[in-house]
Every structure is written in C-alpha cells, then in structure tokens.
Amino acid sequence: MDSLRRQLDWPVEGVLLDVEHNGFWYEGWGERPSAGTAALATARRYLAQVPVLVPVYAHRYLPAGRGSFGHPVLSMWQTDIIYYGLDLADYMHQEFDEARGEVDESWNPQAAVSFWRDLL
C-alpha cells in the first residue's frame, strides 16, 4: 500500500520539489510568497485541489475521474511533463511495441484536465 501511495503522490511531490528547489511557480496561484516555506505551503494548498493522476507504468500517468476518458497519457518528471500517448491504447504501443516505427505526423494529443495541461 505504501508503494501505491508513493506513486499517487509522485506528480504533486515533483511539483513541490520544483517549487522548493528550482523556483517553479504556477501563475494561476497568484504572486509567489517571498519566504520559501510560505511558497511551499501555498503550492501544497493549491495542489490539493488539482485532478488526481493515476499511475499507469513507471512515471506515466492518466487523470482520474469524470471527463478523463480518452485523455492522453502523460510522462511526469517534476514539472517536466510530456505526452506519451494519445490515450491508453496508443501509449501501450508507444511504450511497449518494438515494431512501432516512426510516429505519425498527425499525432496531436490534447490534454483536457486543468492544471496538468498547463504544464505541458
């Protein structure tokens, strides 16, 4: 159970790490507090309200909840977030299909969940 909790916490903890050590600040949170501890507390409060991301494999995630059907799979490493598949089926091919070849030029995933889509 601890392993699952760590995986569920990974995206938020990664953002908090960047807030604390790399100067990251999301403009939707307003002005960054000058004190580091206050900035971290503010970020933590806002992050408690963002959509939960569910681990798929390693640091690949999908959003949980209503409105997330068909959402692209996201690769999360702190605030460095990229698309890793149009949806779960496409992700499985991207990650595990050795014969996948080149990515189609029309490949254009679109995230729909608030906050996380803004970090892409």
C-alpha atoms as a PDB file:
ATOM      1  CA  MET A   1       0.000   0.000   0.000  1.00  0.00           C
ATOM      2  CA  ASP A   2       2.902   2.386   0.706  1.00  0.00           C
ATOM      3  CA  SER A   3       4.160   1.851  -2.839  1.00  0.00           C
ATOM      4  CA  LEU A   4       0.785   2.811  -4.304  1.00  0.00           C
ATOM      5  CA  ARG A   5       0.599   5.916  -2.083  1.00  0.00           C
ATOM      6  CA  ARG A   6       4.086   6.981  -3.256  1.00  0.00           C
ATOM      7  CA  GLN A   7       3.058   6.523  -6.895  1.00  0.00           C
ATOM      8  CA  LEU A   8      -0.160   8.517  -6.387  1.00  0.00           C
ATOM      9  CA  ASP A   9       1.775  11.303  -4.638  1.00  0.00           C
ATOM     10  CA  TRP A  10       4.607  11.386  -7.225  1.00  0.00           C
ATOM     11  CA  PRO A  11       3.181  14.103  -9.561  1.00  0.00           C
ATOM     12  CA  VAL A  12       2.340  16.548  -6.757  1.00  0.00           C
ATOM     13  CA  GLU A  13       5.575  15.853  -4.883  1.00  0.00           C
ATOM     14  CA  GLY A  14       7.503  16.521  -8.111  1.00  0.00           C
ATOM     15  CA  VAL A  15       5.851  19.919  -8.498  1.00  0.00           C
ATOM     16  CA  LEU A  16       6.570  20.728  -4.853  1.00  0.00           C
ATOM     17  CA  LEU A  17      10.218  19.760  -5.365  1.00  0.00           C
ATOM     18  CA  ASP A  18      10.449  22.237  -8.249  1.00  0.00           C
ATOM     19  CA  VAL A  19       8.727  24.930  -6.184  1.00  0.00           C
ATOM     20  CA  GLU A  20      11.182  24.417  -3.338  1.00  0.00           C
ATOM     21  CA  HIS A  21      14.424  23.918  -5.247  1.00  0.00           C
ATOM     22  CA  ASN A  22      14.002  25.179  -8.800  1.00  0.00           C
ATOM     23  CA  GLY A  23      11.971  28.370  -8.487  1.00  0.00           C
ATOM     24  CA  PHE A  24       8.882  26.942 -10.195  1.00  0.00           C
ATOM     25  CA  TRP A  25       5.685  28.915  -9.644  1.00  0.00           C
ATOM     26  CA  TYR A  26       2.361  28.427 -11.433  1.00  0.00           C
ATOM     27  CA  GLU A  27       0.896  31.783 -12.459  1.00  0.00           C
ATOM     28  CA  GLY A  28      -2.610  30.638 -11.508  1.00  0.00           C
ATOM     29  CA  TRP A  29      -1.532  30.625  -7.849  1.00  0.00           C
ATOM     30  CA  GLY A  30      -1.043  34.382  -7.778  1.00  0.00           C
ATOM     31  CA  GLU A  31       2.094  36.125  -6.590  1.00  0.00           C
ATOM     32  CA  ARG A  32       4.758  33.837  -5.156  1.00  0.00           C
ATOM     33  CA  PRO A  33       5.353  34.437  -1.431  1.00  0.00           C
ATOM     34  CA  SER A  34       8.876  35.647  -0.757  1.00  0.00           C
ATOM     35  CA  ALA A  35       9.502  33.121   2.037  1.00  0.00           C
ATOM     36  CA  GLY A  36      10.273  29.639   0.762  1.00  0.00           C
ATOM     37  CA  THR A  37       8.203  27.898   3.425  1.00  0.00           C
ATOM     38  CA  ALA A  38       5.191  30.103   2.636  1.00  0.00           C
ATOM     39  CA  ALA A  39       5.579  29.426  -1.101  1.00  0.00           C
ATOM     40  CA  LEU A  40       5.699  25.694  -0.439  1.00  0.00           C
ATOM     41  CA  ALA A  41       2.644  25.846   1.835  1.00  0.00           C
ATOM     42  CA  THR A  42       0.711  27.879  -0.747  1.00  0.00           C
ATOM     43  CA  ALA A  43       1.652  25.482  -3.545  1.00  0.00           C
ATOM     44  CA  ARG A  44       0.681  22.490  -1.399  1.00  0.00           C
ATOM     45  CA  ARG A  45      -2.725  24.063  -0.698  1.00  0.00           C
ATOM     46  CA  TYR A  46      -3.418  24.645  -4.407  1.00  0.00           C
ATOM     47  CA  LEU A  47      -2.089  21.236  -5.417  1.00  0.00           C
ATOM     48  CA  ALA A  48      -4.532  19.551  -3.028  1.00  0.00           C
ATOM     49  CA  GLN A  49      -7.262  20.739  -5.421  1.00  0.00           C
ATOM     50  CA  VAL A  50      -5.812  19.625  -8.784  1.00  0.00           C
ATOM     51  CA  PRO A  51      -7.094  16.497 -10.548  1.00  0.00           C
ATOM     52  CA  VAL A  52      -5.567  13.296  -9.221  1.00  0.00           C
ATOM     53  CA  LEU A  53      -3.299  11.427 -11.600  1.00  0.00           C
ATOM     54  CA  VAL A  54      -3.296   7.631 -11.624  1.00  0.00           C
ATOM     55  CA  PRO A  55      -0.068   5.741 -12.265  1.00  0.00           C
ATOM     56  CA  VAL A  56      -0.050   3.642 -15.431  1.00  0.00           C
ATOM     57  CA  TYR A  57       3.570   2.484 -15.540  1.00  0.00           C
ATOM     58  CA  ALA A  58       6.722   3.977 -14.049  1.00  0.00           C
ATOM     59  CA  HIS A  59       6.265   7.778 -14.296  1.00  0.00           C
ATOM     60  CA  ARG A  60       3.434   7.618 -16.855  1.00  0.00           C
ATOM     61  CA  TYR A  61       0.042   8.874 -15.644  1.00  0.00           C
ATOM     62  CA  LEU A  62      -3.588   9.367 -16.588  1.00  0.00           C
ATOM     63  CA  PRO A  63      -6.043  11.684 -14.824  1.00  0.00           C
ATOM     64  CA  ALA A  64      -8.725  10.094 -12.683  1.00  0.00           C
ATOM     65  CA  GLY A  65     -12.390  10.972 -12.671  1.00  0.00           C
ATOM     66  CA  ARG A  66     -15.124  12.331 -14.862  1.00  0.00           C
ATOM     67  CA  GLY A  67     -14.090  13.895 -18.149  1.00  0.00           C
ATOM     68  CA  SER A  68     -10.822  11.982 -18.370  1.00  0.00           C
ATOM     69  CA  PHE A  69     -11.934   9.271 -20.824  1.00  0.00           C
ATOM     70  CA  GLY A  70      -9.596   9.174 -23.805  1.00  0.00           C
ATOM     71  CA  HIS A  71      -7.132  11.543 -22.157  1.00  0.00           C
ATOM     72  CA  PRO A  72      -3.514  11.361 -23.329  1.00  0.00           C
ATOM     73  CA  VAL A  73      -1.026   9.506 -21.157  1.00  0.00           C
ATOM     74  CA  LEU A  74       1.420  11.927 -19.560  1.00  0.00           C
ATOM     75  CA  SER A  75       5.052  11.278 -18.718  1.00  0.00           C
ATOM     76  CA  MET A  76       5.775  13.122 -15.473  1.00  0.00           C
ATOM     77  CA  TRP A  77       9.139  14.145 -14.098  1.00  0.00           C
ATOM     78  CA  GLN A  78       8.569  17.013 -11.683  1.00  0.00           C
ATOM     79  CA  THR A  79       7.242  19.879 -13.846  1.00  0.00           C
ATOM     80  CA  ASP A  80       8.757  18.389 -17.000  1.00  0.00           C
ATOM     81  CA  ILE A  81       5.611  16.831 -18.446  1.00  0.00           C
ATOM     82  CA  ILE A  82       5.173  15.483 -21.965  1.00  0.00           C
ATOM     83  CA  TYR A  83       2.603  13.484 -23.886  1.00  0.00           C
ATOM     84  CA  TYR A  84       3.406   9.799 -24.138  1.00  0.00           C
ATOM     85  CA  GLY A  85       0.324   8.539 -25.944  1.00  0.00           C
ATOM     86  CA  LEU A  86      -2.955   9.781 -27.401  1.00  0.00           C
ATOM     87  CA  ASP A  87      -4.801   7.514 -24.969  1.00  0.00           C
ATOM     88  CA  LEU A  88      -4.058   4.315 -23.053  1.00  0.00           C
ATOM     89  CA  ALA A  89      -4.096   2.080 -26.159  1.00  0.00           C
ATOM     90  CA  ASP A  90      -1.755   4.389 -28.077  1.00  0.00           C
ATOM     91  CA  TYR A  91       0.514   4.666 -25.044  1.00  0.00           C
ATOM     92  CA  MET A  92       0.838   0.864 -24.875  1.00  0.00           C
ATOM     93  CA  HIS A  93       2.074   0.881 -28.476  1.00  0.00           C
ATOM     94  CA  GLN A  94       4.418   3.826 -27.858  1.00  0.00           C
ATOM     95  CA  GLU A  95       5.942   2.260 -24.749  1.00  0.00           C
ATOM     96  CA  PHE A  96       5.980  -1.464 -25.494  1.00  0.00           C
ATOM     97  CA  ASP A  97       5.573  -2.138 -29.249  1.00  0.00           C
ATOM     98  CA  GLU A  98       9.057  -2.721 -30.596  1.00  0.00           C
ATOM     99  CA  ALA A  99       7.789  -2.591 -34.193  1.00  0.00           C
ATOM    100  CA  ARG A 100       6.011   0.755 -33.822  1.00  0.00           C
ATOM    101  CA  GLY A 101       8.207   2.653 -36.303  1.00  0.00           C
ATOM    102  CA  GLU A 102       8.009   6.413 -36.735  1.00  0.00           C
ATOM    103  CA  VAL A 103       5.351   8.499 -35.035  1.00  0.00           C
ATOM    104  CA  ASP A 104       2.645   9.682 -37.440  1.00  0.00           C
ATOM    105  CA  GLU A 105       2.951  13.428 -38.143  1.00  0.00           C
ATOM    106  CA  SER A 106      -0.757  13.861 -37.395  1.00  0.00           C
ATOM    107  CA  TRP A 107      -0.115  12.706 -33.811  1.00  0.00           C
ATOM    108  CA  ASN A 108      -1.536  15.575 -31.785  1.00  0.00           C
ATOM    109  CA  PRO A 109      -2.632  14.668 -28.249  1.00  0.00           C
ATOM    110  CA  GLN A 110      -4.669  17.225 -26.328  1.00  0.00           C
ATOM    111  CA  ALA A 111      -4.841  17.207 -22.537  1.00  0.00           C
ATOM    112  CA  ALA A 112      -8.151  18.280 -21.051  1.00  0.00           C
ATOM    113  CA  VAL A 113      -7.607  18.262 -17.290  1.00  0.00           C
ATOM    114  CA  SER A 114      -6.951  21.542 -15.557  1.00  0.00           C
ATOM    115  CA  PHE A 115      -3.548  22.448 -14.154  1.00  0.00           C
ATOM    116  CA  TRP A 116      -1.652  19.474 -15.631  1.00  0.00           C
ATOM    117  CA  ARG A 117      -2.454  20.520 -19.223  1.00  0.00           C
ATOM    118  CA  ASP A 118      -0.975  23.932 -18.458  1.00  0.00           C
ATOM    119  CA  LEU A 119       2.395  22.376 -17.614  1.00  0.00           C
ATOM    120  CA  LEU A 120       2.704  20.632 -20.974  1.00  0.00           C
END
